[in-house]
Amino acid sequence: METLIALAAVALLIALGMRLIHRLNAQHDARIAAHHFSDPFPAVFRPPGHSPHTRAGPVPGHRSTGTWP
C-alpha cells in the first residue's frame, strides 16, 4: 500500500513540475514576442509602407540593392 501511495505522490509531483515548466515557458515566449528588435542592417531595405521612418526621397550614397557592406 505504501508503494502505491509513493508512486502516486511521485506521479503528482512530476505532473506539477511539468505544469510549472509549461507556464514558465509560456511566460518567456510572451516576453520574447513583446520585445521590439532594432531596425535591420542599413543595406537591407523594407518594402514601402513597412518602414517606421518615412523619407522624402532617395538618400545620396545609398543603394537599394547590393550586398553587405
N, C-alpha and C. Protein backbone atom coordinates (compact mmCIF):
# COMPACT_ATOMS: atom_id res chain seq x y z
N MET A 1 0.82 -1.20 0.00
CA MET A 1 0.00 0.00 0.00
C MET A 1 0.87 1.26 0.00
N GLU A 2 1.94 1.23 0.79
CA GLU A 2 2.82 2.40 0.84
C GLU A 2 3.48 2.65 -0.52
N THR A 3 3.74 1.57 -1.25
CA THR A 3 4.36 1.70 -2.56
C THR A 3 3.43 2.43 -3.51
N LEU A 4 2.15 2.11 -3.49
CA LEU A 4 1.18 2.78 -4.35
C LEU A 4 1.06 4.26 -4.01
N ILE A 5 1.06 4.58 -2.73
CA ILE A 5 0.99 5.98 -2.30
C ILE A 5 2.23 6.74 -2.75
N ALA A 6 3.39 6.10 -2.61
CA ALA A 6 4.64 6.73 -3.02
C ALA A 6 4.65 6.96 -4.54
N LEU A 7 4.21 5.98 -5.32
CA LEU A 7 4.16 6.14 -6.77
C LEU A 7 3.17 7.23 -7.18
N ALA A 8 2.03 7.30 -6.50
CA ALA A 8 1.06 8.35 -6.78
C ALA A 8 1.63 9.73 -6.45
N ALA A 9 2.36 9.82 -5.34
CA ALA A 9 2.96 11.09 -4.95
C ALA A 9 4.03 11.52 -5.96
N VAL A 10 4.84 10.58 -6.42
CA VAL A 10 5.87 10.89 -7.41
C VAL A 10 5.22 11.33 -8.72
N ALA A 11 4.18 10.62 -9.15
CA ALA A 11 3.48 10.99 -10.38
C ALA A 11 2.86 12.38 -10.25
N LEU A 12 2.28 12.70 -9.10
CA LEU A 12 1.70 14.01 -8.88
C LEU A 12 2.77 15.10 -8.91
N LEU A 13 3.91 14.85 -8.29
CA LEU A 13 5.00 15.84 -8.31
C LEU A 13 5.53 16.04 -9.72
N ILE A 14 5.64 14.98 -10.49
CA ILE A 14 6.09 15.11 -11.88
C ILE A 14 5.09 15.94 -12.68
N ALA A 15 3.81 15.67 -12.51
CA ALA A 15 2.78 16.42 -13.23
C ALA A 15 2.80 17.90 -12.83
N LEU A 16 2.98 18.19 -11.55
CA LEU A 16 3.05 19.59 -11.11
C LEU A 16 4.29 20.27 -11.68
N GLY A 17 5.41 19.56 -11.71
CA GLY A 17 6.63 20.13 -12.28
C GLY A 17 6.48 20.41 -13.76
N MET A 18 5.84 19.49 -14.49
CA MET A 18 5.60 19.71 -15.91
C MET A 18 4.71 20.93 -16.14
N ARG A 19 3.71 21.08 -15.32
CA ARG A 19 2.79 22.22 -15.42
C ARG A 19 3.53 23.54 -15.15
N LEU A 20 4.38 23.54 -14.15
CA LEU A 20 5.16 24.74 -13.81
C LEU A 20 6.10 25.11 -14.95
N ILE A 21 6.80 24.14 -15.51
CA ILE A 21 7.72 24.41 -16.60
C ILE A 21 6.96 24.93 -17.82
N HIS A 22 5.81 24.35 -18.11
CA HIS A 22 4.99 24.80 -19.23
C HIS A 22 4.56 26.25 -19.06
N ARG A 23 4.13 26.63 -17.86
CA ARG A 23 3.71 28.01 -17.61
C ARG A 23 4.88 28.98 -17.69
N LEU A 24 6.05 28.58 -17.20
CA LEU A 24 7.22 29.45 -17.29
C LEU A 24 7.66 29.64 -18.74
N ASN A 25 7.59 28.58 -19.55
CA ASN A 25 7.92 28.71 -20.97
C ASN A 25 6.94 29.63 -21.69
N ALA A 26 5.67 29.55 -21.36
CA ALA A 26 4.67 30.43 -21.97
C ALA A 26 4.94 31.88 -21.60
N GLN A 27 5.32 32.12 -20.36
CA GLN A 27 5.64 33.48 -19.91
C GLN A 27 6.86 34.00 -20.66
N HIS A 28 7.87 33.16 -20.82
CA HIS A 28 9.09 33.55 -21.52
C HIS A 28 8.79 33.85 -22.99
N ASP A 29 7.97 33.03 -23.63
CA ASP A 29 7.60 33.27 -25.02
C ASP A 29 6.85 34.59 -25.17
N ALA A 30 6.00 34.93 -24.22
CA ALA A 30 5.27 36.19 -24.27
C ALA A 30 6.22 37.38 -24.14
N ARG A 31 7.23 37.26 -23.31
CA ARG A 31 8.21 38.34 -23.17
C ARG A 31 9.02 38.51 -24.45
N ILE A 32 9.40 37.40 -25.08
CA ILE A 32 10.15 37.49 -26.33
C ILE A 32 9.29 38.13 -27.41
N ALA A 33 8.03 37.76 -27.50
CA ALA A 33 7.14 38.30 -28.53
C ALA A 33 6.91 39.79 -28.33
N ALA A 34 6.95 40.27 -27.11
CA ALA A 34 6.70 41.69 -26.83
C ALA A 34 7.93 42.55 -27.08
N HIS A 35 9.11 41.94 -27.21
CA HIS A 35 10.34 42.71 -27.40
C HIS A 35 10.44 43.17 -28.84
N HIS A 36 10.66 44.47 -29.03
CA HIS A 36 10.80 45.03 -30.37
C HIS A 36 12.29 45.15 -30.68
N PHE A 37 12.70 44.42 -31.69
CA PHE A 37 14.10 44.45 -32.08
C PHE A 37 14.37 45.70 -32.90
N SER A 38 15.64 46.04 -33.05
CA SER A 38 16.02 47.24 -33.78
C SER A 38 15.85 47.04 -35.28
N ASP A 39 16.08 48.12 -36.02
CA ASP A 39 15.98 48.05 -37.48
C ASP A 39 17.05 47.12 -38.04
N PRO A 40 16.83 46.58 -39.23
CA PRO A 40 17.84 45.71 -39.84
C PRO A 40 19.06 46.50 -40.26
N PHE A 41 20.05 45.80 -40.81
CA PHE A 41 21.26 46.47 -41.28
C PHE A 41 20.90 47.58 -42.25
N PRO A 42 21.73 48.63 -42.35
CA PRO A 42 21.40 49.75 -43.23
C PRO A 42 21.26 49.35 -44.70
N ALA A 43 21.93 48.29 -45.16
CA ALA A 43 21.85 47.88 -46.55
C ALA A 43 20.56 47.12 -46.86
N VAL A 44 19.83 46.74 -45.84
CA VAL A 44 18.59 45.98 -46.04
C VAL A 44 17.43 46.96 -45.94
N PHE A 45 16.65 47.07 -47.00
CA PHE A 45 15.53 48.00 -47.00
C PHE A 45 14.22 47.23 -46.97
N ARG A 46 13.25 47.78 -46.28
CA ARG A 46 11.92 47.19 -46.22
C ARG A 46 11.10 47.71 -47.39
N PRO A 47 10.07 46.97 -47.79
CA PRO A 47 9.18 47.47 -48.86
C PRO A 47 8.48 48.75 -48.40
N PRO A 48 8.04 49.57 -49.35
CA PRO A 48 7.36 50.82 -48.97
C PRO A 48 6.16 50.55 -48.07
N GLY A 49 6.02 51.37 -47.06
CA GLY A 49 4.91 51.23 -46.13
C GLY A 49 5.22 50.36 -44.93
N HIS A 50 6.36 49.67 -44.92
CA HIS A 50 6.70 48.78 -43.82
C HIS A 50 7.81 49.35 -42.94
N SER A 51 8.35 50.48 -43.30
CA SER A 51 9.42 51.09 -42.54
C SER A 51 8.85 52.04 -41.50
N PRO A 52 9.40 52.06 -40.27
CA PRO A 52 8.90 53.01 -39.27
C PRO A 52 9.26 54.46 -39.59
N HIS A 53 10.30 54.66 -40.43
CA HIS A 53 10.72 56.01 -40.79
C HIS A 53 10.35 56.26 -42.25
N THR A 54 9.82 57.45 -42.53
CA THR A 54 9.50 57.81 -43.90
C THR A 54 10.55 58.78 -44.41
N ARG A 55 10.89 58.66 -45.68
CA ARG A 55 11.88 59.54 -46.29
C ARG A 55 11.21 60.34 -47.40
N ALA A 56 11.69 61.58 -47.60
CA ALA A 56 11.14 62.42 -48.65
C ALA A 56 11.64 61.97 -50.02
N GLY A 57 12.81 61.41 -50.10
CA GLY A 57 13.38 60.98 -51.37
C GLY A 57 14.56 60.06 -51.12
N PRO A 58 15.23 59.66 -52.19
CA PRO A 58 16.38 58.78 -52.01
C PRO A 58 17.53 59.51 -51.31
N VAL A 59 18.24 58.79 -50.51
CA VAL A 59 19.37 59.35 -49.78
C VAL A 59 20.61 59.18 -50.63
N PRO A 60 21.39 60.26 -50.86
CA PRO A 60 22.59 60.13 -51.69
C PRO A 60 23.58 59.12 -51.08
N GLY A 61 24.14 58.30 -51.93
CA GLY A 61 25.13 57.33 -51.45
C GLY A 61 24.53 56.00 -51.00
N HIS A 62 23.22 55.90 -50.92
CA HIS A 62 22.58 54.65 -50.50
C HIS A 62 22.13 53.88 -51.74
N ARG A 63 22.38 52.57 -51.69
CA ARG A 63 21.91 51.72 -52.78
C ARG A 63 20.76 50.87 -52.25
N SER A 64 19.71 50.70 -53.06
CA SER A 64 18.59 49.90 -52.62
C SER A 64 18.85 48.41 -52.79
N THR A 65 19.85 48.07 -53.61
CA THR A 65 20.22 46.66 -53.78
C THR A 65 21.71 46.54 -53.59
N GLY A 66 22.16 45.33 -53.39
CA GLY A 66 23.60 45.10 -53.22
C GLY A 66 23.83 44.14 -52.07
N THR A 67 25.08 43.97 -51.74
CA THR A 67 25.44 43.06 -50.66
C THR A 67 26.04 43.83 -49.51
N TRP A 68 26.12 43.22 -48.40
CA TRP A 68 26.67 43.84 -47.19
C TRP A 68 28.17 43.70 -47.22
N PRO A 69 28.95 44.65 -47.00
CA PRO A 69 28.81 46.10 -46.91
C PRO A 69 28.84 46.79 -48.21
